[in-house]
Structures are given as C-alpha cells and as structure tokens.
Amino acid sequence: MMKRKSGHIINLYGGGGVRPGGAATYMVTKDGIRTFTRYVAEEVRDANICVITFSPRVPIATETAPEEALRRLPGPEILGPGFVLCAQLSMAQSGKCFAYENGKLVDELPREG
C-alpha cells in the first residue's frame, strides 16, 4: 500500500456491554482498536491509505466459537456487503468508525457504560 500510495485498512470492532462480569479486558481491547485506528490513520494519511474501524453491531460466531454459538449466531459472511462499502470510503473518512445498517454505512458512536 505504501508503494502504491493507496489502500484501505479495515479494523473490526466488536463492541459489547459491561456484562457479563469479566468483560472489562475484552472491552478495553476493543475500544483500543478504535484509538489505534485513529492514530494509524494519521500516520499513513500522506500515503493515501484510508484506515477505518468497522462494527458489526451484532455478535458474530467465528470458527473457534462453541458449537452452541455456531448454531445460534450469524457468521462473518453477513458482514461482506459492509466490508465492500468500507473499502470504497474516501480519505475524508479515514480514522472513523462505521457500522452497516439497512444497506449503508453509518457513523458508529462510542458506546456508553
């Protein structure tokens, strides 16, 4: 990307709530992704690399999830259209966080609580 002077980096943000107990470590690392994205976006802006955070807004079961979660939750394939839209964002959007809603990207505000 640096050599081509273009590209997109999409960091996945899986926000959550303050429950269950023990969620603090998970939430701190996820919120850290948003901060990391903002700083990296500025570091690579001159190379025309757009860096954003993408939030699915729903729990996603990945391949390492327990069987029960794999049966109950959607998989990462539901995020495909959102990732495509993220990869088309302009440099003016670099450093921001977005979610996919009703077929379009919307600003994702930091979670409260």
Protein backbone atom coordinates (compact mmCIF):
# COMPACT_ATOMS: atom_id res chain seq x y z
CA MET A 1 0.00 0.00 0.00
CA MET A 2 2.80 2.40 0.82
CA LYS A 3 4.45 1.76 -2.56
CA ARG A 4 1.14 2.08 -4.43
CA LYS A 5 0.17 5.17 -2.41
CA SER A 6 -3.33 3.80 -1.91
CA GLY A 7 -5.33 1.25 0.01
CA HIS A 8 -7.77 0.58 2.81
CA ILE A 9 -7.21 -0.98 6.22
CA ILE A 10 -10.42 -2.12 7.93
CA ASN A 11 -10.20 -2.96 11.63
CA LEU A 12 -13.08 -4.97 13.05
CA TYR A 13 -14.62 -3.58 16.23
CA GLY A 14 -16.80 -5.93 18.25
CA GLY A 15 -18.24 -3.73 20.93
CA GLY A 16 -20.17 -5.16 23.85
CA GLY A 17 -21.66 -4.31 27.17
CA VAL A 18 -20.47 -4.23 30.76
CA ARG A 19 -21.91 -7.69 31.39
CA PRO A 20 -21.04 -10.46 31.92
CA GLY A 21 -18.57 -9.96 34.71
CA GLY A 22 -15.03 -10.18 33.38
CA ALA A 23 -15.88 -8.27 30.21
CA ALA A 24 -13.50 -5.44 31.12
CA THR A 25 -10.45 -6.87 29.37
CA TYR A 26 -12.43 -7.62 26.23
CA MET A 27 -13.97 -4.15 26.10
CA VAL A 28 -10.71 -2.31 26.78
CA THR A 29 -9.02 -4.12 23.89
CA LYS A 30 -11.94 -3.46 21.56
CA ASP A 31 -12.03 0.22 22.43
CA GLY A 32 -8.26 0.22 21.94
CA ILE A 33 -8.87 -0.80 18.31
CA ARG A 34 -10.75 2.44 17.76
CA THR A 35 -7.90 4.53 19.22
CA PHE A 36 -5.32 2.52 17.27
CA THR A 37 -7.28 3.17 14.07
CA ARG A 38 -7.35 6.93 14.62
CA TYR A 39 -3.59 7.12 15.19
CA VAL A 40 -2.61 4.82 12.32
CA ALA A 41 -4.96 6.76 10.02
CA GLU A 42 -2.92 9.90 10.67
CA GLU A 43 0.41 8.09 10.28
CA VAL A 44 -0.44 6.77 6.81
CA ARG A 45 -2.61 9.65 5.55
CA ASP A 46 0.18 11.02 3.33
CA ALA A 47 0.39 7.60 1.64
CA ASN A 48 -3.33 7.84 0.75
CA ILE A 49 -4.22 4.83 2.90
CA CYS A 50 -7.68 5.00 4.44
CA VAL A 51 -7.89 3.31 7.87
CA ILE A 52 -11.29 2.76 9.43
CA THR A 53 -12.97 0.71 12.13
CA PHE A 54 -16.00 -1.40 11.19
CA SER A 55 -18.57 -2.51 13.77
CA PRO A 56 -20.96 -5.38 13.01
CA ARG A 57 -23.24 -4.26 15.89
CA VAL A 58 -24.20 -7.90 16.43
CA PRO A 59 -22.38 -10.88 17.93
CA ILE A 60 -20.64 -12.95 15.26
CA ALA A 61 -19.72 -16.62 15.64
CA THR A 62 -16.28 -17.30 14.20
CA GLU A 63 -14.80 -20.72 13.51
CA THR A 64 -13.46 -21.04 17.06
CA ALA A 65 -16.83 -20.35 18.72
CA PRO A 66 -18.51 -23.10 20.77
CA GLU A 67 -20.98 -25.33 18.88
CA GLU A 68 -23.93 -23.69 20.62
CA ALA A 69 -22.83 -20.24 19.40
CA LEU A 70 -22.28 -21.53 15.85
CA ARG A 71 -25.88 -22.75 15.77
CA ARG A 72 -27.36 -19.62 17.31
CA LEU A 73 -25.35 -16.68 15.90
CA PRO A 74 -24.68 -15.46 12.36
CA GLY A 75 -21.25 -16.00 10.87
CA PRO A 76 -18.83 -13.42 9.45
CA GLU A 77 -20.34 -13.81 5.96
CA ILE A 78 -23.13 -11.38 6.94
CA LEU A 79 -20.51 -8.61 7.03
CA GLY A 80 -19.48 -8.92 3.36
CA PRO A 81 -21.53 -6.02 1.94
CA GLY A 82 -20.37 -3.75 4.77
CA PHE A 83 -16.72 -4.57 4.11
CA VAL A 84 -17.18 -3.77 0.42
CA LEU A 85 -18.61 -0.35 1.28
CA CYS A 86 -15.78 0.26 3.77
CA ALA A 87 -13.22 -0.47 1.04
CA GLN A 88 -14.82 2.25 -1.09
CA LEU A 89 -14.62 5.03 1.51
CA SER A 90 -12.74 8.21 0.70
CA MET A 91 -9.75 9.53 2.62
CA ALA A 92 -12.05 12.07 4.29
CA GLN A 93 -13.50 9.15 6.29
CA SER A 94 -10.13 7.80 7.47
CA GLY A 95 -9.87 7.35 11.23
CA LYS A 96 -13.62 6.96 11.78
CA CYS A 97 -15.77 4.04 12.93
CA PHE A 98 -18.72 2.79 10.86
CA ALA A 99 -21.47 0.21 11.14
CA TYR A 100 -23.56 -1.41 8.40
CA GLU A 101 -27.26 -0.57 8.69
CA ASN A 102 -30.06 -1.02 6.15
CA GLY A 103 -27.64 -1.43 3.25
CA LYS A 104 -25.43 1.56 4.01
CA LEU A 105 -22.61 2.64 6.31
CA VAL A 106 -23.48 4.83 9.28
CA ASP A 107 -21.28 6.55 11.86
CA GLU A 108 -20.76 4.32 14.90
CA LEU A 109 -20.59 6.39 18.06
CA PRO A 110 -18.56 5.21 21.09
CA ARG A 111 -20.60 3.05 23.46
CA GLU A 112 -21.68 4.36 26.81
CA GLY A 113 -21.44 2.43 30.04
